[in-house]
N, C-alpha and C. Protein backbone atom coordinates (compact mmCIF):
# COMPACT_ATOMS: atom_id res chain seq x y z
N MET A 1 6.88 14.82 -7.58
CA MET A 1 6.97 14.35 -6.21
C MET A 1 6.91 12.83 -6.22
N LYS A 2 7.77 12.21 -5.41
CA LYS A 2 7.78 10.75 -5.35
C LYS A 2 7.97 10.28 -3.92
N VAL A 3 7.61 9.02 -3.68
CA VAL A 3 7.82 8.37 -2.39
C VAL A 3 8.90 7.32 -2.59
N ARG A 4 9.85 7.31 -1.67
CA ARG A 4 10.91 6.31 -1.73
C ARG A 4 11.32 5.90 -0.32
N LYS A 5 12.02 4.78 -0.24
CA LYS A 5 12.52 4.30 1.04
C LYS A 5 13.66 5.20 1.50
N ALA A 6 13.71 5.46 2.81
CA ALA A 6 14.76 6.30 3.37
C ALA A 6 16.10 5.58 3.32
N LEU A 7 17.16 6.35 3.10
CA LEU A 7 18.52 5.85 3.09
C LEU A 7 19.27 6.41 4.30
N LEU A 8 20.36 5.79 4.65
CA LEU A 8 21.17 6.29 5.77
C LEU A 8 21.60 7.73 5.54
N THR A 9 21.83 8.09 4.30
CA THR A 9 22.28 9.45 3.96
C THR A 9 21.17 10.49 4.13
N ASP A 10 19.96 10.05 4.40
CA ASP A 10 18.82 10.97 4.60
C ASP A 10 18.67 11.40 6.06
N ALA A 11 19.53 10.93 6.94
CA ALA A 11 19.37 11.14 8.38
C ALA A 11 19.25 12.63 8.74
N GLU A 12 20.06 13.47 8.16
CA GLU A 12 20.02 14.89 8.52
C GLU A 12 18.69 15.53 8.11
N SER A 13 18.22 15.22 6.90
CA SER A 13 16.93 15.77 6.44
C SER A 13 15.78 15.30 7.31
N VAL A 14 15.79 14.03 7.68
CA VAL A 14 14.74 13.48 8.54
C VAL A 14 14.79 14.13 9.92
N SER A 15 15.98 14.31 10.44
CA SER A 15 16.15 14.97 11.74
C SER A 15 15.55 16.37 11.72
N LYS A 16 15.79 17.11 10.66
CA LYS A 16 15.24 18.48 10.54
C LYS A 16 13.71 18.45 10.49
N LEU A 17 13.15 17.50 9.75
CA LEU A 17 11.69 17.39 9.68
C LEU A 17 11.10 17.09 11.06
N LEU A 18 11.67 16.13 11.75
CA LEU A 18 11.17 15.79 13.08
C LEU A 18 11.27 16.98 14.03
N GLY A 19 12.30 17.79 13.87
CA GLY A 19 12.46 18.99 14.67
C GLY A 19 11.33 19.98 14.49
N GLN A 20 10.69 19.99 13.32
CA GLN A 20 9.56 20.89 13.08
C GLN A 20 8.37 20.56 13.97
N LEU A 21 8.29 19.32 14.44
CA LEU A 21 7.21 18.94 15.36
C LEU A 21 7.68 18.91 16.81
N GLY A 22 8.91 19.36 17.04
CA GLY A 22 9.41 19.45 18.40
C GLY A 22 10.17 18.22 18.87
N TYR A 23 10.43 17.26 17.99
CA TYR A 23 11.18 16.07 18.36
C TYR A 23 12.67 16.33 18.15
N GLN A 24 13.43 16.26 19.21
CA GLN A 24 14.87 16.52 19.14
C GLN A 24 15.61 15.22 18.85
N ALA A 25 15.51 14.76 17.64
CA ALA A 25 16.18 13.54 17.21
C ALA A 25 17.37 13.94 16.34
N SER A 26 18.56 13.74 16.86
CA SER A 26 19.77 14.16 16.15
C SER A 26 19.95 13.34 14.87
N PRO A 27 20.71 13.88 13.92
CA PRO A 27 21.01 13.09 12.72
C PRO A 27 21.67 11.75 13.06
N LYS A 28 22.52 11.73 14.09
CA LYS A 28 23.15 10.47 14.49
C LYS A 28 22.11 9.46 14.98
N LEU A 29 21.16 9.92 15.80
CA LEU A 29 20.11 9.02 16.28
C LEU A 29 19.29 8.49 15.10
N ILE A 30 18.92 9.37 14.18
CA ILE A 30 18.13 8.92 13.02
C ILE A 30 18.92 7.93 12.18
N ARG A 31 20.20 8.21 11.97
CA ARG A 31 21.03 7.27 11.21
C ARG A 31 21.09 5.91 11.91
N ASP A 32 21.28 5.92 13.23
CA ASP A 32 21.30 4.67 14.00
C ASP A 32 19.99 3.91 13.87
N LYS A 33 18.86 4.65 13.92
CA LYS A 33 17.54 4.00 13.80
C LYS A 33 17.35 3.43 12.39
N LEU A 34 17.73 4.21 11.37
CA LEU A 34 17.61 3.72 9.99
C LEU A 34 18.47 2.48 9.79
N GLU A 35 19.65 2.48 10.39
CA GLU A 35 20.54 1.33 10.30
C GLU A 35 19.91 0.11 10.99
N ALA A 36 19.32 0.32 12.16
CA ALA A 36 18.70 -0.77 12.91
C ALA A 36 17.50 -1.36 12.17
N LEU A 37 16.79 -0.54 11.41
CA LEU A 37 15.58 -0.99 10.72
C LEU A 37 15.84 -1.44 9.27
N GLU A 38 17.05 -1.22 8.80
CA GLU A 38 17.37 -1.42 7.39
C GLU A 38 16.96 -2.78 6.84
N PHE A 39 17.14 -3.84 7.60
CA PHE A 39 16.85 -5.18 7.08
C PHE A 39 15.62 -5.80 7.71
N SER A 40 14.82 -5.00 8.40
CA SER A 40 13.60 -5.50 9.01
C SER A 40 12.50 -5.60 7.97
N ALA A 41 11.87 -6.76 7.89
CA ALA A 41 10.74 -6.93 6.98
C ALA A 41 9.48 -6.28 7.54
N ARG A 42 9.47 -6.00 8.83
CA ARG A 42 8.28 -5.47 9.50
C ARG A 42 8.35 -3.97 9.78
N ASP A 43 9.39 -3.32 9.32
CA ASP A 43 9.54 -1.88 9.53
C ASP A 43 10.00 -1.23 8.23
N THR A 44 9.56 0.00 8.03
CA THR A 44 10.08 0.76 6.91
C THR A 44 9.94 2.25 7.22
N VAL A 45 10.78 3.03 6.60
CA VAL A 45 10.72 4.48 6.68
C VAL A 45 10.67 4.98 5.25
N LEU A 46 9.61 5.73 4.95
CA LEU A 46 9.42 6.25 3.60
C LEU A 46 9.52 7.76 3.59
N LEU A 47 10.02 8.29 2.49
CA LEU A 47 10.17 9.73 2.35
C LEU A 47 9.39 10.22 1.15
N ALA A 48 8.86 11.43 1.26
CA ALA A 48 8.31 12.14 0.12
C ALA A 48 9.40 13.10 -0.34
N GLN A 49 9.68 13.06 -1.63
CA GLN A 49 10.76 13.88 -2.17
C GLN A 49 10.22 14.71 -3.32
N ASP A 50 10.54 16.00 -3.28
CA ASP A 50 10.16 16.93 -4.34
C ASP A 50 11.45 17.47 -4.93
N GLY A 51 11.82 16.96 -6.09
CA GLY A 51 13.13 17.29 -6.63
C GLY A 51 14.19 16.71 -5.72
N LYS A 52 15.09 17.56 -5.23
CA LYS A 52 16.14 17.10 -4.32
C LYS A 52 15.73 17.24 -2.86
N ASN A 53 14.59 17.86 -2.60
CA ASN A 53 14.18 18.16 -1.23
C ASN A 53 13.34 17.04 -0.62
N ILE A 54 13.70 16.64 0.61
CA ILE A 54 12.90 15.70 1.39
C ILE A 54 11.83 16.55 2.07
N ILE A 55 10.56 16.30 1.76
CA ILE A 55 9.48 17.14 2.28
C ILE A 55 8.52 16.40 3.21
N GLY A 56 8.76 15.11 3.42
CA GLY A 56 7.90 14.36 4.34
C GLY A 56 8.53 13.03 4.69
N VAL A 57 8.17 12.54 5.87
CA VAL A 57 8.67 11.24 6.33
C VAL A 57 7.54 10.52 7.06
N ILE A 58 7.48 9.21 6.85
CA ILE A 58 6.55 8.36 7.59
C ILE A 58 7.31 7.10 7.98
N SER A 59 7.19 6.72 9.25
CA SER A 59 7.82 5.47 9.70
C SER A 59 6.71 4.49 10.08
N LEU A 60 6.93 3.24 9.73
CA LEU A 60 5.89 2.22 9.86
C LEU A 60 6.43 0.97 10.54
N HIS A 61 5.57 0.35 11.33
CA HIS A 61 5.92 -0.89 12.02
C HIS A 61 4.72 -1.84 11.96
N VAL A 62 5.01 -3.11 11.82
CA VAL A 62 3.97 -4.14 11.78
C VAL A 62 4.22 -5.12 12.91
N LEU A 63 3.16 -5.46 13.63
CA LEU A 63 3.29 -6.47 14.68
C LEU A 63 2.18 -7.50 14.56
N GLU A 64 2.51 -8.69 15.02
CA GLU A 64 1.57 -9.81 14.98
C GLU A 64 0.51 -9.60 16.05
N LEU A 65 -0.75 -9.75 15.69
CA LEU A 65 -1.82 -9.71 16.69
C LEU A 65 -1.88 -11.08 17.35
N PHE A 66 -1.91 -11.10 18.64
CA PHE A 66 -1.91 -12.37 19.37
C PHE A 66 -3.32 -12.93 19.54
N HIS A 67 -4.30 -12.05 19.71
CA HIS A 67 -5.65 -12.47 20.07
C HIS A 67 -6.58 -12.64 18.89
N GLN A 68 -6.10 -12.40 17.68
CA GLN A 68 -6.93 -12.57 16.49
C GLN A 68 -6.04 -12.77 15.27
N PRO A 69 -6.59 -13.27 14.19
CA PRO A 69 -5.78 -13.46 12.98
C PRO A 69 -5.31 -12.12 12.42
N GLY A 70 -4.17 -12.14 11.76
CA GLY A 70 -3.68 -10.96 11.07
C GLY A 70 -2.67 -10.17 11.88
N ARG A 71 -2.31 -9.06 11.32
CA ARG A 71 -1.30 -8.19 11.90
C ARG A 71 -1.84 -6.78 12.05
N LEU A 72 -1.14 -6.00 12.87
CA LEU A 72 -1.47 -4.60 13.10
C LEU A 72 -0.38 -3.73 12.49
N GLY A 73 -0.79 -2.78 11.68
CA GLY A 73 0.14 -1.80 11.14
C GLY A 73 0.11 -0.55 12.01
N ARG A 74 1.26 0.03 12.22
CA ARG A 74 1.33 1.21 13.09
C ARG A 74 2.17 2.29 12.42
N ILE A 75 1.58 3.47 12.28
CA ILE A 75 2.35 4.64 11.86
C ILE A 75 3.02 5.15 13.12
N THR A 76 4.35 5.12 13.15
CA THR A 76 5.06 5.54 14.35
C THR A 76 5.51 7.00 14.28
N SER A 77 5.54 7.56 13.08
CA SER A 77 5.77 9.00 12.93
C SER A 77 5.35 9.43 11.54
N LEU A 78 4.89 10.65 11.45
CA LEU A 78 4.54 11.25 10.16
C LEU A 78 4.78 12.75 10.30
N VAL A 79 5.65 13.28 9.46
CA VAL A 79 5.94 14.71 9.47
C VAL A 79 6.03 15.20 8.04
N ILE A 80 5.34 16.30 7.78
CA ILE A 80 5.42 16.97 6.49
C ILE A 80 6.05 18.34 6.73
N ASP A 81 6.96 18.73 5.88
CA ASP A 81 7.61 20.02 5.98
C ASP A 81 6.55 21.12 6.05
N ASP A 82 6.76 22.07 6.95
CA ASP A 82 5.82 23.19 7.14
C ASP A 82 5.38 23.81 5.82
N ASP A 83 6.30 23.98 4.89
CA ASP A 83 6.01 24.66 3.63
C ASP A 83 5.18 23.82 2.66
N PHE A 84 4.99 22.54 2.96
CA PHE A 84 4.28 21.65 2.04
C PHE A 84 3.00 21.05 2.64
N ARG A 85 2.65 21.45 3.85
CA ARG A 85 1.44 20.91 4.47
C ARG A 85 0.21 21.39 3.70
N GLY A 86 -0.78 20.52 3.65
CA GLY A 86 -2.03 20.86 2.96
C GLY A 86 -1.96 20.70 1.46
N GLN A 87 -0.89 20.07 0.95
CA GLN A 87 -0.71 19.92 -0.49
C GLN A 87 -0.77 18.46 -0.95
N GLY A 88 -1.25 17.57 -0.07
CA GLY A 88 -1.42 16.17 -0.45
C GLY A 88 -0.23 15.27 -0.16
N VAL A 89 0.84 15.82 0.41
CA VAL A 89 2.02 15.02 0.70
C VAL A 89 1.72 13.97 1.77
N GLY A 90 1.04 14.37 2.83
CA GLY A 90 0.68 13.43 3.89
C GLY A 90 -0.22 12.32 3.38
N ALA A 91 -1.20 12.68 2.56
CA ALA A 91 -2.11 11.68 1.99
C ALA A 91 -1.34 10.69 1.13
N MET A 92 -0.35 11.18 0.39
CA MET A 92 0.47 10.32 -0.45
C MET A 92 1.27 9.34 0.40
N LEU A 93 1.82 9.82 1.52
CA LEU A 93 2.59 8.94 2.40
C LEU A 93 1.69 7.93 3.11
N VAL A 94 0.51 8.36 3.53
CA VAL A 94 -0.42 7.42 4.18
C VAL A 94 -0.88 6.37 3.17
N SER A 95 -1.07 6.75 1.92
CA SER A 95 -1.42 5.78 0.89
C SER A 95 -0.30 4.75 0.71
N ALA A 96 0.94 5.20 0.74
CA ALA A 96 2.08 4.28 0.67
C ALA A 96 2.10 3.36 1.89
N ALA A 97 1.75 3.92 3.06
CA ALA A 97 1.66 3.10 4.28
C ALA A 97 0.58 2.04 4.12
N ASP A 98 -0.57 2.42 3.58
CA ASP A 98 -1.65 1.45 3.35
C ASP A 98 -1.16 0.30 2.48
N ALA A 99 -0.41 0.61 1.44
CA ALA A 99 0.11 -0.43 0.54
C ALA A 99 1.07 -1.35 1.30
N PHE A 100 1.96 -0.77 2.10
CA PHE A 100 2.90 -1.57 2.90
C PHE A 100 2.14 -2.47 3.87
N PHE A 101 1.17 -1.90 4.57
CA PHE A 101 0.40 -2.68 5.55
C PHE A 101 -0.38 -3.80 4.87
N THR A 102 -0.93 -3.54 3.72
CA THR A 102 -1.67 -4.57 2.98
C THR A 102 -0.73 -5.70 2.57
N GLU A 103 0.44 -5.35 2.07
CA GLU A 103 1.44 -6.37 1.71
C GLU A 103 1.84 -7.21 2.91
N GLN A 104 1.83 -6.61 4.09
CA GLN A 104 2.23 -7.29 5.32
C GLN A 104 1.08 -8.05 5.98
N LEU A 105 -0.07 -8.12 5.31
CA LEU A 105 -1.24 -8.85 5.78
C LEU A 105 -1.85 -8.26 7.06
N CYS A 106 -1.79 -6.95 7.17
CA CYS A 106 -2.40 -6.28 8.32
C CYS A 106 -3.92 -6.26 8.15
N VAL A 107 -4.62 -6.44 9.27
CA VAL A 107 -6.08 -6.37 9.25
C VAL A 107 -6.56 -5.00 9.73
N ARG A 108 -5.65 -4.23 10.32
CA ARG A 108 -5.99 -2.86 10.70
C ARG A 108 -4.69 -2.08 10.92
N ALA A 109 -4.85 -0.77 10.96
CA ALA A 109 -3.71 0.11 11.20
C ALA A 109 -4.11 1.11 12.26
N GLU A 110 -3.09 1.63 12.96
CA GLU A 110 -3.35 2.63 13.98
C GLU A 110 -2.27 3.69 13.97
N VAL A 111 -2.62 4.82 14.54
CA VAL A 111 -1.68 5.91 14.71
C VAL A 111 -2.08 6.66 15.96
N THR A 112 -1.12 7.18 16.69
CA THR A 112 -1.43 8.01 17.84
C THR A 112 -1.04 9.44 17.51
N SER A 113 -1.74 10.36 18.15
CA SER A 113 -1.49 11.78 17.92
C SER A 113 -1.81 12.54 19.21
N SER A 114 -0.91 13.42 19.59
CA SER A 114 -1.11 14.19 20.82
C SER A 114 -2.42 14.96 20.78
N ASP A 115 -3.03 15.12 21.95
CA ASP A 115 -4.32 15.81 22.05
C ASP A 115 -4.30 17.20 21.42
N HIS A 116 -3.18 17.90 21.51
CA HIS A 116 -3.12 19.28 21.01
C HIS A 116 -2.98 19.39 19.50
N ARG A 117 -2.77 18.29 18.79
CA ARG A 117 -2.59 18.32 17.33
C ARG A 117 -3.93 18.13 16.61
N ILE A 118 -4.80 19.08 16.79
CA ILE A 118 -6.17 19.00 16.25
C ILE A 118 -6.17 18.84 14.73
N GLN A 119 -5.30 19.58 14.03
CA GLN A 119 -5.26 19.46 12.57
C GLN A 119 -4.84 18.06 12.14
N ALA A 120 -3.94 17.45 12.89
CA ALA A 120 -3.52 16.08 12.58
C ALA A 120 -4.68 15.12 12.76
N HIS A 121 -5.50 15.34 13.79
CA HIS A 121 -6.65 14.46 14.03
C HIS A 121 -7.61 14.53 12.84
N THR A 122 -7.87 15.73 12.37
CA THR A 122 -8.74 15.91 11.21
C THR A 122 -8.15 15.20 10.00
N PHE A 123 -6.85 15.38 9.79
CA PHE A 123 -6.17 14.74 8.66
C PHE A 123 -6.33 13.22 8.72
N TYR A 124 -6.06 12.62 9.88
CA TYR A 124 -6.15 11.17 9.98
C TYR A 124 -7.57 10.67 9.74
N GLN A 125 -8.55 11.40 10.22
CA GLN A 125 -9.93 11.01 9.97
C GLN A 125 -10.24 11.10 8.47
N GLN A 126 -9.70 12.08 7.78
CA GLN A 126 -9.89 12.19 6.34
C GLN A 126 -9.23 11.02 5.60
N GLN A 127 -8.24 10.41 6.23
CA GLN A 127 -7.55 9.27 5.63
C GLN A 127 -8.20 7.94 6.00
N GLY A 128 -9.32 7.98 6.73
CA GLY A 128 -10.06 6.77 7.06
C GLY A 128 -9.83 6.23 8.46
N TYR A 129 -9.05 6.94 9.27
CA TYR A 129 -8.83 6.52 10.65
C TYR A 129 -9.97 7.05 11.53
N ALA A 130 -10.36 6.24 12.49
CA ALA A 130 -11.42 6.63 13.42
C ALA A 130 -10.85 6.65 14.84
N VAL A 131 -11.38 7.54 15.67
CA VAL A 131 -10.98 7.57 17.07
C VAL A 131 -11.46 6.27 17.71
N ASP A 132 -10.56 5.61 18.46
CA ASP A 132 -10.88 4.30 19.01
C ASP A 132 -10.07 4.05 20.27
N GLU A 133 -10.72 3.61 21.30
CA GLU A 133 -10.09 3.13 22.52
C GLU A 133 -9.27 4.20 23.24
N ARG A 134 -8.58 3.82 24.24
CA ARG A 134 -7.74 4.72 25.03
C ARG A 134 -6.39 4.05 25.20
N ARG A 135 -5.36 4.84 25.18
CA ARG A 135 -4.00 4.33 25.32
C ARG A 135 -3.48 4.65 26.71
N PHE A 136 -2.84 3.70 27.32
CA PHE A 136 -2.19 3.89 28.61
C PHE A 136 -0.69 3.76 28.39
N VAL A 137 0.08 4.65 28.97
CA VAL A 137 1.52 4.68 28.74
C VAL A 137 2.25 4.58 30.06
N LYS A 138 3.28 3.77 30.06
CA LYS A 138 4.18 3.68 31.20
C LYS A 138 5.58 3.93 30.66
N ARG A 139 6.30 4.83 31.27
CA ARG A 139 7.63 5.17 30.81
C ARG A 139 8.69 4.53 31.70
N TYR A 140 9.84 4.19 31.08
CA TYR A 140 10.96 3.60 31.79
C TYR A 140 12.18 4.51 31.65
N ASP A 141 13.02 4.47 32.64
CA ASP A 141 14.27 5.21 32.60
C ASP A 141 15.22 4.43 31.67
N SER A 142 15.56 5.02 30.54
CA SER A 142 16.41 4.32 29.57
C SER A 142 17.89 4.68 29.74
N SER A 143 18.21 5.40 30.80
CA SER A 143 19.61 5.81 31.00
C SER A 143 20.47 4.67 31.53
N GLY A 144 19.83 3.59 31.97
CA GLY A 144 20.56 2.47 32.49
C GLY A 144 20.89 2.60 33.97
N ALA A 145 20.41 3.67 34.58
CA ALA A 145 20.71 3.90 36.00
C ALA A 145 19.84 3.05 36.90
């Protein structure tokens, strides 16, 4: 098993993984996102691969903290194939995220997880994340109407 950077040709596999968590992200959308992030120094998408099979994906973003020194690392998605959960794949991807965030001079990292994903909450706490603060969300109509 290895971790590597996602390629444009991985869009279909990533789309299928995201679908396992209920995210309807088409292969075209994933390809467009991978293309948009391809040359960003502050973003990366990493895959866990077992032989020829893509079994996990983690997407990462880094932003500058305005009110204090350093940067914030953010896990924007993490999905492990149903058949490989509980086998250390997620921990391996989070470890790769830690390395990326450290290289990017992050002073902390964060991840959000829906209230109903209790197993994910336990997993993140096992990886050193602590419950902190409250998030407020405002949504915008992106249809252009």
